Structure formats: C-alpha cells, structure tokens
Amino acid sequence: MKFIVSGSSQNISSCSEHSHIYNEIIILSNGICETIVDQISYQMQQNSVLLIPSGHSYSNYSSTNYSDIFIQVDDFPSQITSPLSIPSES
C-alpha cells in the first residue's frame, strides 16, 4: 500500500461534497460529525474511522466543530468496495 496524501483539518464545521481518485482513510480526531457517502449517513465521533474507496462522493457536517486526519492510499484490500465505518471504542 502506497500513501499518497496525508493531512488534517482543524476545528471545522463542514466539508462540501467531493470525491477522490484515491482511496481515503478518515480518522475523526476530535468532536462529532455526520459524514454522508453516496447519500448514506455515517455518525462519527472522536477516534472513529471511515474507509472510503476511490470515486465515492462524500461530505461532512457538524453542528459544532470537528477535527480529522485524512490519508489517501493507492489501494485497499479487494473486499473493500463500499464505505466501511469503524466506530470508536467508547
């Protein structure tokens, strides 16, 4: 697996709908938000992880603020063809 891009967003309340040519791993580092991928809603909280295969459109929204870390990779295991949510351990 080759890492393409890595970054973070700090204290934001939304991210408009977009997609990537690479697979993306999103880790919510603070706060809570709703992420909508292909019109399906995923509720994320601190330490939640969302795997989004390339080409899937998504947006994020929070009534407060959230921070996240995102990593784009060239490949996911072949069985991951749709978004995969990994909830945080509360």
PDB file of N, CA and C in Angstrom:
ATOM      1  N   MET A   1       0.856  -1.174   0.000  1.00  0.00           N
ATOM      2  CA  MET A   1       0.000   0.000   0.000  1.00  0.00           C
ATOM      3  C   MET A   1       0.897   1.230   0.000  1.00  0.00           C
ATOM      4  N   LYS A   2       0.663   2.130  -0.923  1.00  0.00           N
ATOM      5  CA  LYS A   2       1.430   3.359  -1.009  1.00  0.00           C
ATOM      6  C   LYS A   2       0.571   4.527  -0.520  1.00  0.00           C
ATOM      7  N   PHE A   3       1.113   5.313   0.415  1.00  0.00           N
ATOM      8  CA  PHE A   3       0.430   6.501   0.905  1.00  0.00           C
ATOM      9  C   PHE A   3       0.640   7.631  -0.080  1.00  0.00           C
ATOM     10  N   ILE A   4      -0.445   8.286  -0.477  1.00  0.00           N
ATOM     11  CA  ILE A   4      -0.375   9.344  -1.477  1.00  0.00           C
ATOM     12  C   ILE A   4      -0.378  10.722  -0.815  1.00  0.00           C
ATOM     13  N   VAL A   5      -1.383  10.991   0.006  1.00  0.00           N
ATOM     14  CA  VAL A   5      -1.556  12.296   0.640  1.00  0.00           C
ATOM     15  C   VAL A   5      -1.984  12.078   2.074  1.00  0.00           C
ATOM     16  N   SER A   6      -1.503  12.897   2.937  1.00  0.00           N
ATOM     17  CA  SER A   6      -1.914  12.852   4.335  1.00  0.00           C
ATOM     18  C   SER A   6      -2.096  14.291   4.794  1.00  0.00           C
ATOM     19  N   GLY A   7      -3.083  14.533   5.634  1.00  0.00           N
ATOM     20  CA  GLY A   7      -3.312  15.891   6.102  1.00  0.00           C
ATOM     21  C   GLY A   7      -4.305  15.899   7.237  1.00  0.00           C
ATOM     22  N   SER A   8      -4.706  17.080   7.633  1.00  0.00           N
ATOM     23  CA  SER A   8      -5.690  17.207   8.703  1.00  0.00           C
ATOM     24  C   SER A   8      -6.460  18.503   8.545  1.00  0.00           C
ATOM     25  N   SER A   9      -7.641  18.503   9.118  1.00  0.00           N
ATOM     26  CA  SER A   9      -8.478  19.696   9.197  1.00  0.00           C
ATOM     27  C   SER A   9      -8.723  19.956  10.673  1.00  0.00           C
ATOM     28  N   GLN A  10      -8.619  21.201  11.094  1.00  0.00           N
ATOM     29  CA  GLN A  10      -8.764  21.551  12.500  1.00  0.00           C
ATOM     30  C   GLN A  10      -9.969  22.458  12.721  1.00  0.00           C
ATOM     31  N   ASN A  11     -10.830  22.081  13.648  1.00  0.00           N
ATOM     32  CA  ASN A  11     -11.948  22.911  14.084  1.00  0.00           C
ATOM     33  C   ASN A  11     -12.787  23.455  12.928  1.00  0.00           C
ATOM     34  N   ILE A  12     -13.283  22.561  12.100  1.00  0.00           N
ATOM     35  CA  ILE A  12     -14.174  22.961  11.006  1.00  0.00           C
ATOM     36  C   ILE A  12     -15.579  22.443  11.294  1.00  0.00           C
ATOM     37  N   SER A  13     -16.572  22.998  10.600  1.00  0.00           N
ATOM     38  CA  SER A  13     -17.948  22.556  10.830  1.00  0.00           C
ATOM     39  C   SER A  13     -18.537  21.847   9.619  1.00  0.00           C
ATOM     40  N   SER A  14     -17.870  21.921   8.461  1.00  0.00           N
ATOM     41  CA  SER A  14     -18.397  21.226   7.294  1.00  0.00           C
ATOM     42  C   SER A  14     -17.322  21.079   6.222  1.00  0.00           C
ATOM     43  N   CYS A  15     -17.592  20.172   5.309  1.00  0.00           N
ATOM     44  CA  CYS A  15     -16.752  19.967   4.135  1.00  0.00           C
ATOM     45  C   CYS A  15     -17.698  19.621   2.995  1.00  0.00           C
ATOM     46  N   SER A  16     -17.665  20.383   1.924  1.00  0.00           N
ATOM     47  CA  SER A  16     -18.626  20.193   0.837  1.00  0.00           C
ATOM     48  C   SER A  16     -18.386  18.873   0.094  1.00  0.00           C
ATOM     49  N   GLU A  17     -19.412  18.431  -0.623  1.00  0.00           N
ATOM     50  CA  GLU A  17     -19.358  17.150  -1.321  1.00  0.00           C
ATOM     51  C   GLU A  17     -18.222  17.121  -2.345  1.00  0.00           C
ATOM     52  N   HIS A  18     -17.473  16.020  -2.307  1.00  0.00           N
ATOM     53  CA  HIS A  18     -16.366  15.837  -3.236  1.00  0.00           C
ATOM     54  C   HIS A  18     -15.994  14.357  -3.288  1.00  0.00           C
ATOM     55  N   SER A  19     -15.097  14.004  -4.182  1.00  0.00           N
ATOM     56  CA  SER A  19     -14.590  12.635  -4.265  1.00  0.00           C
ATOM     57  C   SER A  19     -13.107  12.699  -4.612  1.00  0.00           C
ATOM     58  N   HIS A  20     -12.447  11.554  -4.538  1.00  0.00           N
ATOM     59  CA  HIS A  20     -11.022  11.482  -4.823  1.00  0.00           C
ATOM     60  C   HIS A  20     -10.747  10.334  -5.788  1.00  0.00           C
ATOM     61  N   ILE A  21      -9.635  10.427  -6.485  1.00  0.00           N
ATOM     62  CA  ILE A  21      -9.245   9.320  -7.362  1.00  0.00           C
ATOM     63  C   ILE A  21      -8.530   8.224  -6.574  1.00  0.00           C
ATOM     64  N   TYR A  22      -8.153   8.537  -5.326  1.00  0.00           N
ATOM     65  CA  TYR A  22      -7.522   7.551  -4.450  1.00  0.00           C
ATOM     66  C   TYR A  22      -8.479   7.154  -3.334  1.00  0.00           C
ATOM     67  N   ASN A  23      -8.204   6.029  -2.700  1.00  0.00           N
ATOM     68  CA  ASN A  23      -8.956   5.604  -1.523  1.00  0.00           C
ATOM     69  C   ASN A  23      -8.586   6.516  -0.362  1.00  0.00           C
ATOM     70  N   GLU A  24      -9.533   6.732   0.548  1.00  0.00           N
ATOM     71  CA  GLU A  24      -9.253   7.638   1.656  1.00  0.00           C
ATOM     72  C   GLU A  24      -9.619   6.991   2.991  1.00  0.00           C
ATOM     73  N   ILE A  25      -8.756   7.241   3.969  1.00  0.00           N
ATOM     74  CA  ILE A  25      -8.982   6.832   5.354  1.00  0.00           C
ATOM     75  C   ILE A  25      -9.174   8.115   6.146  1.00  0.00           C
ATOM     76  N   ILE A  26     -10.331   8.254   6.803  1.00  0.00           N
ATOM     77  CA  ILE A  26     -10.610   9.438   7.614  1.00  0.00           C
ATOM     78  C   ILE A  26     -10.686   9.004   9.072  1.00  0.00           C
ATOM     79  N   ILE A  27      -9.945   9.689   9.930  1.00  0.00           N
ATOM     80  CA  ILE A  27      -9.955   9.432  11.366  1.00  0.00           C
ATOM     81  C   ILE A  27     -10.427  10.713  12.041  1.00  0.00           C
ATOM     82  N   LEU A  28     -11.518  10.633  12.771  1.00  0.00           N
ATOM     83  CA  LEU A  28     -12.009  11.821  13.471  1.00  0.00           C
ATOM     84  C   LEU A  28     -11.193  11.982  14.756  1.00  0.00           C
ATOM     85  N   SER A  29     -10.418  13.045  14.843  1.00  0.00           N
ATOM     86  CA  SER A  29      -9.529  13.227  15.986  1.00  0.00           C
ATOM     87  C   SER A  29     -10.160  14.015  17.125  1.00  0.00           C
ATOM     88  N   ASN A  30     -11.264  14.728  16.829  1.00  0.00           N
ATOM     89  CA  ASN A  30     -11.933  15.497  17.884  1.00  0.00           C
ATOM     90  C   ASN A  30     -13.347  15.850  17.434  1.00  0.00           C
ATOM     91  N   GLY A  31     -14.280  15.848  18.370  1.00  0.00           N
ATOM     92  CA  GLY A  31     -15.643  16.271  18.085  1.00  0.00           C
ATOM     93  C   GLY A  31     -16.520  15.160  17.534  1.00  0.00           C
ATOM     94  N   ILE A  32     -17.641  15.574  16.946  1.00  0.00           N
ATOM     95  CA  ILE A  32     -18.572  14.650  16.296  1.00  0.00           C
ATOM     96  C   ILE A  32     -18.979  15.257  14.958  1.00  0.00           C
ATOM     97  N   CYS A  33     -19.309  14.401  14.003  1.00  0.00           N
ATOM     98  CA  CYS A  33     -19.802  14.905  12.724  1.00  0.00           C
ATOM     99  C   CYS A  33     -20.600  13.815  12.020  1.00  0.00           C
ATOM    100  N   GLU A  34     -21.355  14.232  11.051  1.00  0.00           N
ATOM    101  CA  GLU A  34     -22.076  13.323  10.173  1.00  0.00           C
ATOM    102  C   GLU A  34     -21.356  13.360   8.832  1.00  0.00           C
ATOM    103  N   THR A  35     -21.014  12.179   8.334  1.00  0.00           N
ATOM    104  CA  THR A  35     -20.395  12.078   7.012  1.00  0.00           C
ATOM    105  C   THR A  35     -21.381  11.363   6.106  1.00  0.00           C
ATOM    106  N   ILE A  36     -21.681  11.955   4.981  1.00  0.00           N
ATOM    107  CA  ILE A  36     -22.632  11.370   4.031  1.00  0.00           C
ATOM    108  C   ILE A  36     -21.846  10.907   2.812  1.00  0.00           C
ATOM    109  N   VAL A  37     -21.881   9.591   2.583  1.00  0.00           N
ATOM    110  CA  VAL A  37     -21.185   8.997   1.442  1.00  0.00           C
ATOM    111  C   VAL A  37     -22.242   8.379   0.540  1.00  0.00           C
ATOM    112  N   ASP A  38     -22.311   8.848  -0.702  1.00  0.00           N
ATOM    113  CA  ASP A  38     -23.299   8.322  -1.647  1.00  0.00           C
ATOM    114  C   ASP A  38     -24.698   8.273  -1.033  1.00  0.00           C
ATOM    115  N   GLN A  39     -25.066   9.332  -0.340  1.00  0.00           N
ATOM    116  CA  GLN A  39     -26.381   9.521   0.275  1.00  0.00           C
ATOM    117  C   GLN A  39     -26.642   8.613   1.475  1.00  0.00           C
ATOM    118  N   ILE A  40     -25.606   7.958   2.019  1.00  0.00           N
ATOM    119  CA  ILE A  40     -25.739   7.153   3.243  1.00  0.00           C
ATOM    120  C   ILE A  40     -25.009   7.895   4.355  1.00  0.00           C
ATOM    121  N   SER A  41     -25.693   8.052   5.516  1.00  0.00           N
ATOM    122  CA  SER A  41     -25.164   8.821   6.632  1.00  0.00           C
ATOM    123  C   SER A  41     -24.373   7.932   7.597  1.00  0.00           C
ATOM    124  N   TYR A  42     -23.198   8.430   7.992  1.00  0.00           N
ATOM    125  CA  TYR A  42     -22.355   7.771   8.989  1.00  0.00           C
ATOM    126  C   TYR A  42     -22.121   8.768  10.115  1.00  0.00           C
ATOM    127  N   GLN A  43     -22.466   8.379  11.342  1.00  0.00           N
ATOM    128  CA  GLN A  43     -22.249   9.233  12.504  1.00  0.00           C
ATOM    129  C   GLN A  43     -20.849   8.934  13.046  1.00  0.00           C
ATOM    130  N   MET A  44     -20.026   9.965  13.102  1.00  0.00           N
ATOM    131  CA  MET A  44     -18.660   9.780  13.567  1.00  0.00           C
ATOM    132  C   MET A  44     -18.428  10.569  14.847  1.00  0.00           C
ATOM    133  N   GLN A  45     -17.621   9.995  15.719  1.00  0.00           N
ATOM    134  CA  GLN A  45     -17.200  10.680  16.928  1.00  0.00           C
ATOM    135  C   GLN A  45     -15.700  10.479  17.078  1.00  0.00           C
ATOM    136  N   GLN A  46     -15.110  11.124  18.065  1.00  0.00           N
ATOM    137  CA  GLN A  46     -13.669  11.060  18.248  1.00  0.00           C
ATOM    138  C   GLN A  46     -13.167   9.620  18.172  1.00  0.00           C
ATOM    139  N   ASN A  47     -12.129   9.395  17.383  1.00  0.00           N
ATOM    140  CA  ASN A  47     -11.469   8.106  17.142  1.00  0.00           C
ATOM    141  C   ASN A  47     -12.224   7.173  16.210  1.00  0.00           C
ATOM    142  N   SER A  48     -13.329   7.604  15.615  1.00  0.00           N
ATOM    143  CA  SER A  48     -13.995   6.814  14.578  1.00  0.00           C
ATOM    144  C   SER A  48     -13.138   6.843  13.321  1.00  0.00           C
ATOM    145  N   VAL A  49     -13.249   5.774  12.531  1.00  0.00           N
ATOM    146  CA  VAL A  49     -12.505   5.673  11.274  1.00  0.00           C
ATOM    147  C   VAL A  49     -13.499   5.356  10.167  1.00  0.00           C
ATOM    148  N   LEU A  50     -13.330   5.983   9.011  1.00  0.00           N
ATOM    149  CA  LEU A  50     -14.169   5.702   7.857  1.00  0.00           C
ATOM    150  C   LEU A  50     -13.261   5.470   6.657  1.00  0.00           C
ATOM    151  N   LEU A  51     -13.423   4.307   6.015  1.00  0.00           N
ATOM    152  CA  LEU A  51     -12.679   3.980   4.802  1.00  0.00           C
ATOM    153  C   LEU A  51     -13.583   4.256   3.613  1.00  0.00           C
ATOM    154  N   ILE A  52     -13.128   5.092   2.692  1.00  0.00           N
ATOM    155  CA  ILE A  52     -13.931   5.467   1.533  1.00  0.00           C
ATOM    156  C   ILE A  52     -13.167   5.082   0.262  1.00  0.00           C
ATOM    157  N   PRO A  53     -13.663   4.095  -0.475  1.00  0.00           N
ATOM    158  CA  PRO A  53     -12.998   3.727  -1.733  1.00  0.00           C
ATOM    159  C   PRO A  53     -13.031   4.876  -2.738  1.00  0.00           C
ATOM    160  N   SER A  54     -12.098   4.885  -3.650  1.00  0.00           N
ATOM    161  CA  SER A  54     -11.998   5.955  -4.650  1.00  0.00           C
ATOM    162  C   SER A  54     -13.296   6.085  -5.439  1.00  0.00           C
ATOM    163  N   GLY A  55     -13.581   7.324  -5.831  1.00  0.00           N
ATOM    164  CA  GLY A  55     -14.741   7.599  -6.672  1.00  0.00           C
ATOM    165  C   GLY A  55     -16.051   7.803  -5.940  1.00  0.00           C
ATOM    166  N   HIS A  56     -16.124   7.506  -4.646  1.00  0.00           N
ATOM    167  CA  HIS A  56     -17.365   7.709  -3.882  1.00  0.00           C
ATOM    168  C   HIS A  56     -17.436   9.164  -3.421  1.00  0.00           C
ATOM    169  N   SER A  57     -18.563   9.828  -3.666  1.00  0.00           N
ATOM    170  CA  SER A  57     -18.761  11.223  -3.253  1.00  0.00           C
ATOM    171  C   SER A  57     -19.149  11.286  -1.787  1.00  0.00           C
ATOM    172  N   TYR A  58     -18.584  12.277  -1.062  1.00  0.00           N
ATOM    173  CA  TYR A  58     -18.947  12.424   0.345  1.00  0.00           C
ATOM    174  C   TYR A  58     -18.818  13.872   0.798  1.00  0.00           C
ATOM    175  N   SER A  59     -19.505  14.159   1.914  1.00  0.00           N
ATOM    176  CA  SER A  59     -19.435  15.463   2.572  1.00  0.00           C
ATOM    177  C   SER A  59     -19.510  15.236   4.071  1.00  0.00           C
ATOM    178  N   ASN A  60     -19.118  16.248   4.840  1.00  0.00           N
ATOM    179  CA  ASN A  60     -19.155  16.177   6.310  1.00  0.00           C
ATOM    180  C   ASN A  60     -19.882  17.398   6.839  1.00  0.00           C
ATOM    181  N   TYR A  61     -20.547  17.218   7.985  1.00  0.00           N
ATOM    182  CA  TYR A  61     -21.250  18.325   8.623  1.00  0.00           C
ATOM    183  C   TYR A  61     -21.264  18.110  10.131  1.00  0.00           C
ATOM    184  N   SER A  62     -21.123  19.179  10.881  1.00  0.00           N
ATOM    185  CA  SER A  62     -21.225  19.122  12.337  1.00  0.00           C
ATOM    186  C   SER A  62     -21.958  20.367  12.829  1.00  0.00           C
ATOM    187  N   SER A  63     -22.811  20.206  13.842  1.00  0.00           N
ATOM    188  CA  SER A  63     -23.482  21.366  14.426  1.00  0.00           C
ATOM    189  C   SER A  63     -22.515  22.133  15.336  1.00  0.00           C
ATOM    190  N   THR A  64     -21.402  21.531  15.667  1.00  0.00           N
ATOM    191  CA  THR A  64     -20.335  22.215  16.414  1.00  0.00           C
ATOM    192  C   THR A  64     -19.109  22.229  15.509  1.00  0.00           C
ATOM    193  N   ASN A  65     -17.973  21.857  15.995  1.00  0.00           N
ATOM    194  CA  ASN A  65     -16.759  21.747  15.190  1.00  0.00           C
ATOM    195  C   ASN A  65     -16.146  20.374  15.372  1.00  0.00           C
ATOM    196  N   TYR A  66     -15.351  19.963  14.407  1.00  0.00           N
ATOM    197  CA  TYR A  66     -14.625  18.697  14.499  1.00  0.00           C
ATOM    198  C   TYR A  66     -13.251  18.868  13.855  1.00  0.00           C
ATOM    199  N   SER A  67     -12.384  17.940  14.158  1.00  0.00           N
ATOM    200  CA  SER A  67     -11.061  17.882  13.543  1.00  0.00           C
ATOM    201  C   SER A  67     -10.860  16.465  13.039  1.00  0.00           C
ATOM    202  N   ASP A  68     -10.151  16.330  11.926  1.00  0.00           N
ATOM    203  CA  ASP A  68      -9.907  14.987  11.410  1.00  0.00           C
ATOM    204  C   ASP A  68      -8.517  14.871  10.798  1.00  0.00           C
ATOM    205  N   ILE A  69      -8.139  13.637  10.572  1.00  0.00           N
ATOM    206  CA  ILE A  69      -6.903  13.297   9.883  1.00  0.00           C
ATOM    207  C   ILE A  69      -7.330  12.499   8.668  1.00  0.00           C
ATOM    208  N   PHE A  70      -6.773  12.788   7.510  1.00  0.00           N
ATOM    209  CA  PHE A  70      -7.127  12.017   6.322  1.00  0.00           C
ATOM    210  C   PHE A  70      -5.867  11.527   5.626  1.00  0.00           C
ATOM    211  N   ILE A  71      -5.956  10.313   5.147  1.00  0.00           N
ATOM    212  CA  ILE A  71      -4.836   9.659   4.476  1.00  0.00           C
ATOM    213  C   ILE A  71      -5.372   9.062   3.182  1.00  0.00           C
ATOM    214  N   GLN A  72      -4.753   9.382   2.071  1.00  0.00           N
ATOM    215  CA  GLN A  72      -5.142   8.785   0.792  1.00  0.00           C
ATOM    216  C   GLN A  72      -4.124   7.706   0.449  1.00  0.00           C
ATOM    217  N   VAL A  73      -4.624   6.568   0.003  1.00  0.00           N
ATOM    218  CA  VAL A  73      -3.781   5.423  -0.331  1.00  0.00           C
ATOM    219  C   VAL A  73      -4.152   4.910  -1.717  1.00  0.00           C
ATOM    220  N   ASP A  74      -3.205   4.261  -2.359  1.00  0.00           N
ATOM    221  CA  ASP A  74      -3.450   3.795  -3.718  1.00  0.00           C
ATOM    222  C   ASP A  74      -4.329   2.557  -3.772  1.00  0.00           C
ATOM    223  N   ASP A  75      -4.379   1.767  -2.704  1.00  0.00           N
ATOM    224  CA  ASP A  75      -5.109   0.515  -2.772  1.00  0.00           C
ATOM    225  C   ASP A  75      -5.676   0.134  -1.411  1.00  0.00           C
ATOM    226  N   PHE A  76      -6.880  -0.424  -1.424  1.00  0.00           N
ATOM    227  CA  PHE A  76      -7.486  -1.073  -0.264  1.00  0.00           C
ATOM    228  C   PHE A  76      -7.510  -2.566  -0.563  1.00  0.00           C
ATOM    229  N   PRO A  77      -7.647  -3.405   0.446  1.00  0.00           N
ATOM    230  CA  PRO A  77      -7.879  -4.827   0.150  1.00  0.00           C
ATOM    231  C   PRO A  77      -9.101  -4.974  -0.765  1.00  0.00           C
ATOM    232  N   SER A  78      -9.086  -5.939  -1.640  1.00  0.00           N
ATOM    233  CA  SER A  78     -10.117  -6.069  -2.681  1.00  0.00           C
ATOM    234  C   SER A  78     -11.531  -6.212  -2.144  1.00  0.00           C
ATOM    235  N   GLN A  79     -11.697  -6.678  -0.911  1.00  0.00           N
ATOM    236  CA  GLN A  79     -13.048  -6.849  -0.375  1.00  0.00           C
ATOM    237  C   GLN A  79     -13.689  -5.533   0.056  1.00  0.00           C
ATOM    238  N   ILE A  80     -12.940  -4.446   0.106  1.00  0.00           N
ATOM    239  CA  ILE A  80     -13.496  -3.144   0.485  1.00  0.00           C
ATOM    240  C   ILE A  80     -13.864  -2.395  -0.793  1.00  0.00           C
ATOM    241  N   THR A  81     -15.126  -2.506  -1.194  1.00  0.00           N
ATOM    242  CA  THR A  81     -15.603  -1.845  -2.409  1.00  0.00           C
ATOM    243  C   THR A  81     -16.646  -0.779  -2.104  1.00  0.00           C
ATOM    244  N   SER A  82     -17.100  -0.719  -0.856  1.00  0.00           N
ATOM    245  CA  SER A  82     -18.037   0.316  -0.431  1.00  0.00           C
ATOM    246  C   SER A  82     -17.519   0.882   0.888  1.00  0.00           C
ATOM    247  N   PRO A  83     -18.014   2.051   1.322  1.00  0.00           N
ATOM    248  CA  PRO A  83     -17.517   2.651   2.558  1.00  0.00           C
ATOM    249  C   PRO A  83     -17.631   1.689   3.738  1.00  0.00           C
ATOM    250  N   LEU A  84     -16.636   1.769   4.605  1.00  0.00           N
ATOM    251  CA  LEU A  84     -16.585   0.921   5.794  1.00  0.00           C
ATOM    252  C   LEU A  84     -16.364   1.808   7.007  1.00  0.00           C
ATOM    253  N   SER A  85     -17.316   1.781   7.953  1.00  0.00           N
ATOM    254  CA  SER A  85     -17.239   2.584   9.165  1.00  0.00           C
ATOM    255  C   SER A  85     -16.719   1.716  10.306  1.00  0.00           C
ATOM    256  N   ILE A  86     -15.730   2.246  11.015  1.00  0.00           N
ATOM    257  CA  ILE A  86     -15.182   1.571  12.198  1.00  0.00           C
ATOM    258  C   ILE A  86     -15.416   2.500  13.372  1.00  0.00           C
ATOM    259  N   PRO A  87     -16.427   2.204  14.202  1.00  0.00           N
ATOM    260  CA  PRO A  87     -16.743   3.103  15.324  1.00  0.00           C
ATOM    261  C   PRO A  87     -15.631   3.127  16.368  1.00  0.00           C
ATOM    262  N   SER A  88     -15.563   4.220  17.103  1.00  0.00           N
ATOM    263  CA  SER A  88     -14.596   4.307  18.194  1.00  0.00           C
ATOM    264  C   SER A  88     -15.064   3.416  19.331  1.00  0.00           C
ATOM    265  N   GLU A  89     -14.114   3.000  20.124  1.00  0.00           N
ATOM    266  CA  GLU A  89     -14.463   2.242  21.333  1.00  0.00           C
ATOM    267  C   GLU A  89     -14.778   3.254  22.422  1.00  0.00           C
ATOM    268  N   SER A  90     -15.994   3.266  22.883  1.00  0.00           N
ATOM    269  CA  SER A  90     -16.391   4.264  23.904  1.00  0.00           C
ATOM    270  C   SER A  90     -16.038   3.814  25.281  1.00  0.00           C
TER     271      SER A  90
END
